């Protein structure tokens, strides 16, 4: 079982870490909310195919449907839309690094919301290091006239990350024990409905044309980055808890930064590397907190 869980962990990290590269490619040709909505639509098609094979029953009662609507907004609609928009302003590698701060926000939210996931001194040290890294990364866009335009892209990524952290704690508190397939499908379904409503308001007329590479990107983002990734993610939340499952985010900065530099030729300077190192150090320190908590429970 532990081998299965760690296999899911590393596969999820690689899939989601590479997603920032494909998002950057797609938003170069299509509006960002449309990219996010199409990504979820492709992912939903894949999940529904799995549902048909598994013959999985779904919730019909109003309270659980309302709960999934909230989770769909927090876990998919809000962050996917913000990340896609943010990557029109910043490099894919930087987007991956900022999205990697999710465990830091999860530590704070879980401490306030979940009785069994209190913060420890190691977790506090991780928060300080991680947020210092965010400050260093943000300082790259500060000049004599104040923040550059890409600061808005960084802010969008950080808000998306807070939304992910809220969703992790919310799922753990309200949907603990729900089958991962049900959680993944309902989250993608409700999130996609919200995004298409936003596209109808903000990105009219609808733009769906693009070169073949864009459709390859959308297929990757939908089938792997949404369908497979959500199945793996909710499996880990149920198996490990919100804080420990969110540690998959420490794989994102490494994968995203390497792919952005190697494939897209994105620049890397000293502050990018220093800030990235602080973020990764902060995330890894939260793992010390997780080990301490498990030893205390034992």
Protein backbone atom coordinates (compact mmCIF):
# COMPACT_ATOMS: atom_id res chain seq x y z
CA UNK A 1 0.00 0.00 0.00
CA UNK A 2 2.81 2.43 0.84
CA UNK A 3 4.44 1.71 -2.54
CA UNK A 4 1.12 2.42 -4.27
CA UNK A 5 0.71 5.70 -2.40
CA UNK A 6 4.24 6.89 -3.15
CA UNK A 7 3.83 5.88 -6.80
CA UNK A 8 0.68 8.01 -6.97
CA UNK A 9 2.56 10.86 -5.26
CA UNK A 10 5.45 11.00 -7.74
CA UNK A 11 3.26 10.47 -10.80
CA UNK A 12 0.98 13.32 -9.69
CA UNK A 13 3.95 15.60 -9.10
CA UNK A 14 5.34 14.96 -12.58
CA UNK A 15 1.95 15.40 -14.30
CA UNK A 16 1.00 18.60 -12.51
CA UNK A 17 4.54 19.95 -12.68
CA UNK A 18 4.53 19.65 -16.47
CA UNK A 19 1.09 21.26 -16.72
CA UNK A 20 2.54 24.78 -16.43
CA UNK A 21 4.49 24.27 -19.66
CA UNK A 22 1.36 23.16 -21.53
CA UNK A 23 -0.73 26.00 -20.09
CA UNK A 24 1.88 28.51 -21.29
CA UNK A 25 1.71 27.00 -24.78
CA UNK A 26 -2.11 27.04 -24.86
CA UNK A 27 -2.65 30.60 -23.57
CA UNK A 28 -0.34 31.86 -26.28
CA UNK A 29 -3.10 31.03 -28.79
CA UNK A 30 -6.39 31.03 -26.84
CA UNK A 31 -7.96 33.20 -24.12
CA UNK A 32 -7.05 31.92 -20.63
CA UNK A 33 -10.53 31.15 -19.29
CA UNK A 34 -11.36 29.27 -22.49
CA UNK A 35 -8.18 27.21 -22.06
CA UNK A 36 -9.16 26.38 -18.46
CA UNK A 37 -12.74 25.47 -19.45
CA UNK A 38 -11.64 23.27 -22.36
CA UNK A 39 -9.08 21.58 -20.15
CA UNK A 40 -11.78 20.62 -17.66
CA UNK A 41 -14.14 19.56 -20.44
CA UNK A 42 -11.56 17.09 -21.80
CA UNK A 43 -10.85 15.90 -18.26
CA UNK A 44 -14.55 15.42 -17.60
CA UNK A 45 -14.90 13.26 -20.72
CA UNK A 46 -12.10 11.02 -19.46
CA UNK A 47 -13.61 10.77 -15.97
CA UNK A 48 -17.07 9.95 -17.31
CA UNK A 49 -15.54 7.12 -19.34
CA UNK A 50 -14.05 5.71 -16.12
CA UNK A 51 -17.41 6.18 -14.37
CA UNK A 52 -19.15 4.19 -17.11
CA UNK A 53 -16.70 1.31 -16.68
CA UNK A 54 -16.82 1.34 -12.86
CA UNK A 55 -20.60 1.91 -12.68
CA UNK A 56 -19.97 4.29 -9.82
CA UNK A 57 -23.10 5.76 -8.16
CA UNK A 58 -23.15 9.51 -7.62
CA UNK A 59 -24.71 11.73 -4.92
CA UNK A 60 -28.18 13.11 -5.56
CA UNK A 61 -29.02 14.82 -2.25
CA UNK A 62 -28.94 18.62 -2.19
CA UNK A 63 -26.47 19.07 0.72
CA UNK A 64 -23.74 16.97 -0.89
CA UNK A 65 -24.33 18.55 -4.30
CA UNK A 66 -23.92 21.99 -2.70
CA UNK A 67 -20.73 20.81 -1.01
CA UNK A 68 -19.34 19.64 -4.34
CA UNK A 69 -20.28 22.95 -5.96
CA UNK A 70 -18.17 24.79 -3.37
CA UNK A 71 -15.31 22.34 -3.80
CA UNK A 72 -15.53 22.61 -7.59
CA UNK A 73 -15.12 26.38 -7.35
CA UNK A 74 -12.20 26.17 -4.90
CA UNK A 75 -10.40 23.19 -6.43
CA UNK A 76 -10.83 23.77 -10.15
CA UNK A 77 -12.73 26.82 -11.43
CA UNK A 78 -10.96 29.56 -9.43
CA UNK A 79 -7.38 28.22 -9.51
CA UNK A 80 -7.47 26.95 -13.10
CA UNK A 81 -8.80 30.27 -14.36
CA UNK A 82 -6.30 32.31 -12.33
CA UNK A 83 -3.33 30.14 -13.28
CA UNK A 84 -4.17 30.33 -16.99
CA UNK A 85 -4.58 34.12 -16.77
CA UNK A 86 -1.45 34.47 -14.65
CA UNK A 87 0.64 32.62 -17.22
CA UNK A 88 -0.21 35.30 -19.78
CA UNK A 89 1.85 37.61 -17.53
CA UNK A 90 4.65 35.44 -16.07
CA UNK A 91 6.91 32.55 -17.09
CA UNK A 92 5.72 28.99 -16.68
CA UNK A 93 8.62 28.14 -14.35
CA UNK A 94 7.77 31.01 -12.00
CA UNK A 95 4.12 29.95 -12.08
CA UNK A 96 5.14 26.44 -11.01
CA UNK A 97 7.26 27.83 -8.16
CA UNK A 98 4.47 30.05 -6.84
CA UNK A 99 1.93 27.25 -7.13
CA UNK A 100 4.34 25.14 -5.11
CA UNK A 101 3.62 27.30 -2.04
CA UNK A 102 0.33 25.44 -1.56
CA UNK A 103 1.59 23.30 1.37
CA UNK A 104 2.55 26.48 3.23
CA UNK A 105 -0.98 27.85 2.97
CA UNK A 106 -2.38 24.40 3.74
CA UNK A 107 -0.42 24.27 7.01
CA UNK A 108 -2.05 27.51 8.17
CA UNK A 109 -5.56 26.65 7.01
CA UNK A 110 -5.44 23.10 8.36
CA UNK A 111 -4.22 24.42 11.73
CA UNK A 112 -7.20 26.75 11.96
CA UNK A 113 -9.77 24.34 10.54
CA UNK A 114 -8.79 20.73 11.30
CA UNK A 115 -8.26 19.47 14.84
CA UNK A 116 -5.83 16.73 13.86
CA UNK A 117 -3.48 18.91 11.76
CA UNK A 118 -2.04 21.50 14.16
CA UNK A 119 1.04 23.53 13.28
CA UNK A 120 4.37 22.68 14.95
CA UNK A 121 7.63 24.68 15.32
CA UNK A 122 8.97 22.92 12.22
CA UNK A 123 5.87 23.93 10.30
CA UNK A 124 6.29 27.53 11.44
CA UNK A 125 9.92 27.54 10.29
CA UNK A 126 8.79 26.21 6.92
CA UNK A 127 6.25 29.00 6.61
CA UNK A 128 8.89 31.66 7.30
CA UNK A 129 11.31 30.21 4.75
CA UNK A 130 8.63 29.68 2.11
CA UNK A 131 7.15 33.14 2.34
CA UNK A 132 10.64 34.66 2.35
CA UNK A 133 11.09 32.90 -0.98
CA UNK A 134 7.86 34.41 -2.29
CA UNK A 135 9.09 37.89 -1.28
CA UNK A 136 12.40 37.32 -3.10
CA UNK A 137 10.54 36.16 -6.21
CA UNK A 138 8.21 39.15 -6.10
CA UNK A 139 11.15 41.55 -5.69
CA UNK A 140 12.28 40.67 -9.22
CA UNK A 141 9.43 42.83 -10.53
CA UNK A 142 9.99 45.88 -8.33
CA UNK A 143 11.57 48.90 -10.00
CA UNK A 144 11.73 52.67 -9.54
CA UNK A 145 8.11 53.00 -10.67
CA UNK A 146 6.85 50.25 -8.34
CA UNK A 147 5.61 46.80 -9.32
CA UNK A 148 5.81 45.73 -12.94
CA UNK A 149 2.81 44.31 -14.71
CA UNK A 150 3.87 40.74 -14.05
CA UNK A 151 3.26 41.32 -10.33
CA UNK A 152 -0.44 40.86 -11.12
CA UNK A 153 0.37 37.48 -12.64
CA UNK A 154 2.23 36.48 -9.49
CA UNK A 155 -0.69 37.64 -7.35
CA UNK A 156 -3.08 35.54 -9.45
CA UNK A 157 -0.93 32.44 -8.88
CA UNK A 158 -0.80 33.03 -5.13
CA UNK A 159 -4.57 33.48 -4.90
CA UNK A 160 -5.00 30.28 -6.90
CA UNK A 161 -2.71 28.52 -4.43
CA UNK A 162 -4.75 29.75 -1.45
CA UNK A 163 -7.85 28.42 -3.20
CA UNK A 164 -6.19 25.00 -3.60
CA UNK A 165 -5.25 24.98 0.09
CA UNK A 166 -8.80 25.87 1.14
CA UNK A 167 -10.11 23.10 -1.10
CA UNK A 168 -7.75 20.51 0.44
CA UNK A 169 -8.89 21.31 3.98
CA UNK A 170 -12.54 21.58 2.92
CA UNK A 171 -12.41 18.18 1.20
CA UNK A 172 -10.76 16.59 4.21
CA UNK A 173 -13.36 18.04 6.61
CA UNK A 174 -16.57 17.65 4.60
CA UNK A 175 -15.94 14.76 2.18
CA UNK A 176 -13.63 12.42 4.08
CA UNK A 177 -14.14 8.85 2.92
CA UNK A 178 -15.88 9.74 -0.35
CA UNK A 179 -14.64 7.62 -3.29
CA UNK A 180 -11.85 9.44 -5.20
CA UNK A 181 -13.66 8.86 -8.50
CA UNK A 182 -16.79 10.59 -7.20
CA UNK A 183 -14.81 13.51 -5.79
CA UNK A 184 -12.74 13.97 -8.95
CA UNK A 185 -15.72 13.80 -11.33
CA UNK A 186 -17.96 16.09 -9.30
CA UNK A 187 -15.19 18.66 -8.80
CA UNK A 188 -14.36 18.75 -12.52
CA UNK A 189 -18.04 18.85 -13.51
CA UNK A 190 -19.04 21.70 -11.19
CA UNK A 191 -15.82 23.61 -11.85
CA UNK A 192 -16.30 23.39 -15.61
CA UNK A 193 -19.87 24.68 -15.39
CA UNK A 194 -18.59 27.70 -13.46
CA UNK A 195 -15.79 28.34 -15.95
CA UNK A 196 -18.02 28.16 -19.02
CA UNK A 197 -20.34 30.69 -17.37
CA UNK A 198 -17.31 32.95 -16.86
CA UNK A 199 -16.21 32.46 -20.48
CA UNK A 200 -19.67 33.54 -21.65
CA UNK A 201 -19.30 36.80 -19.74
CA UNK A 202 -15.60 37.67 -20.06
CA UNK A 203 -14.42 36.13 -23.35
CA UNK A 204 -17.14 36.69 -25.91
CA UNK A 205 -17.14 35.85 -28.78
CA UNK A 206 -15.88 32.32 -28.16
CA UNK A 207 -12.45 31.63 -29.71
CA UNK A 208 -11.69 27.95 -30.35
CA UNK A 209 -9.13 28.01 -33.16
CA UNK A 210 -5.44 27.28 -32.81
CA UNK A 211 -2.54 25.25 -34.25
CA UNK A 212 -2.26 21.51 -33.52
CA UNK A 213 0.14 22.03 -30.60
CA UNK A 214 -2.62 23.86 -28.70
CA UNK A 215 -4.94 20.86 -28.98
CA UNK A 216 -2.11 18.56 -27.90
CA UNK A 217 -1.67 20.83 -24.86
CA UNK A 218 -5.39 20.73 -24.07
CA UNK A 219 -5.48 16.94 -24.42
CA UNK A 220 -2.51 16.62 -22.05
CA UNK A 221 -4.02 19.08 -19.55
CA UNK A 222 -7.43 17.41 -19.70
CA UNK A 223 -6.65 13.70 -19.72
CA UNK A 224 -3.54 13.77 -17.53
CA UNK A 225 -3.57 17.11 -15.72
CA UNK A 226 -7.26 16.94 -14.80
CA UNK A 227 -8.66 13.40 -15.17
CA UNK A 228 -5.73 11.29 -13.95
CA UNK A 229 -4.32 13.94 -11.63
CA UNK A 230 -7.56 14.47 -9.70
CA UNK A 231 -8.04 10.74 -9.23
CA UNK A 232 -4.55 10.53 -7.79
CA UNK A 233 -4.93 13.67 -5.68
CA UNK A 234 -8.17 12.71 -3.94
CA UNK A 235 -6.78 9.23 -3.40
CA UNK A 236 -3.84 10.77 -1.55
CA UNK A 237 -6.02 13.14 0.49
CA UNK A 238 -8.11 10.20 1.71
CA UNK A 239 -5.01 8.11 2.41
CA UNK A 240 -2.66 10.73 3.89
CA UNK A 241 -4.64 13.81 4.91
CA UNK A 242 -4.72 17.36 3.51
CA UNK A 243 -1.31 18.57 4.73
CA UNK A 244 0.70 15.52 3.73
CA UNK A 245 -1.05 15.15 0.36
CA UNK A 246 -0.32 18.80 -0.42
CA UNK A 247 3.42 18.02 -0.19
CA UNK A 248 3.15 16.78 -3.77
CA UNK A 249 3.56 20.48 -4.56
CA UNK A 250 7.28 20.40 -3.78
CA UNK A 251 7.75 18.44 -7.02
CA UNK A 252 6.07 21.22 -9.08
CA UNK A 253 8.78 23.90 -8.80
CA UNK A 254 11.55 21.54 -9.88
CA UNK A 255 9.65 20.05 -12.84
CA UNK A 256 8.11 23.35 -13.94
CA UNK A 257 11.34 25.35 -13.67
CA UNK A 258 13.41 22.77 -15.57
CA UNK A 259 10.85 22.44 -18.39
CA UNK A 260 10.39 26.21 -18.68
CA UNK A 261 14.13 26.83 -18.99
CA UNK A 262 14.91 23.79 -21.19
CA UNK A 263 11.95 23.91 -23.61
CA UNK A 264 10.69 27.51 -23.60
CA UNK A 265 14.06 29.16 -22.99
CA UNK A 266 12.79 31.10 -19.96
CA UNK A 267 15.51 33.11 -18.19
CA UNK A 268 16.86 32.20 -14.76
CA UNK A 269 18.60 34.79 -12.56
CA UNK A 270 20.05 34.71 -9.04
CA UNK A 271 16.86 35.90 -7.32
CA UNK A 272 14.78 33.31 -9.16
CA UNK A 273 17.07 30.54 -7.97
CA UNK A 274 17.32 31.94 -4.41
CA UNK A 275 13.57 32.43 -4.11
CA UNK A 276 12.90 28.98 -5.54
CA UNK A 277 15.35 27.44 -3.08
CA UNK A 278 13.66 29.13 -0.12
CA UNK A 279 10.22 27.98 -1.27
CA UNK A 280 11.38 24.38 -1.69
CA UNK A 281 13.17 24.51 1.69
CA UNK A 282 9.98 25.76 3.34
CA UNK A 283 7.89 23.03 1.76
CA UNK A 284 10.35 20.32 2.74
CA UNK A 285 10.40 21.63 6.31
CA UNK A 286 6.65 21.10 6.54
CA UNK A 287 7.36 17.42 5.96
CA UNK A 288 9.33 17.43 9.23
CA UNK A 289 6.12 18.68 10.86
CA UNK A 290 4.19 15.82 9.28
CA UNK A 291 6.63 13.22 10.60
CA UNK A 292 6.52 14.78 14.08
CA UNK A 293 2.71 14.68 14.07
CA UNK A 294 2.66 11.00 13.06
CA UNK A 295 5.15 10.07 15.78
CA UNK A 296 3.07 11.98 18.36
CA UNK A 297 -0.09 10.14 17.33
CA UNK A 298 1.72 6.80 17.49
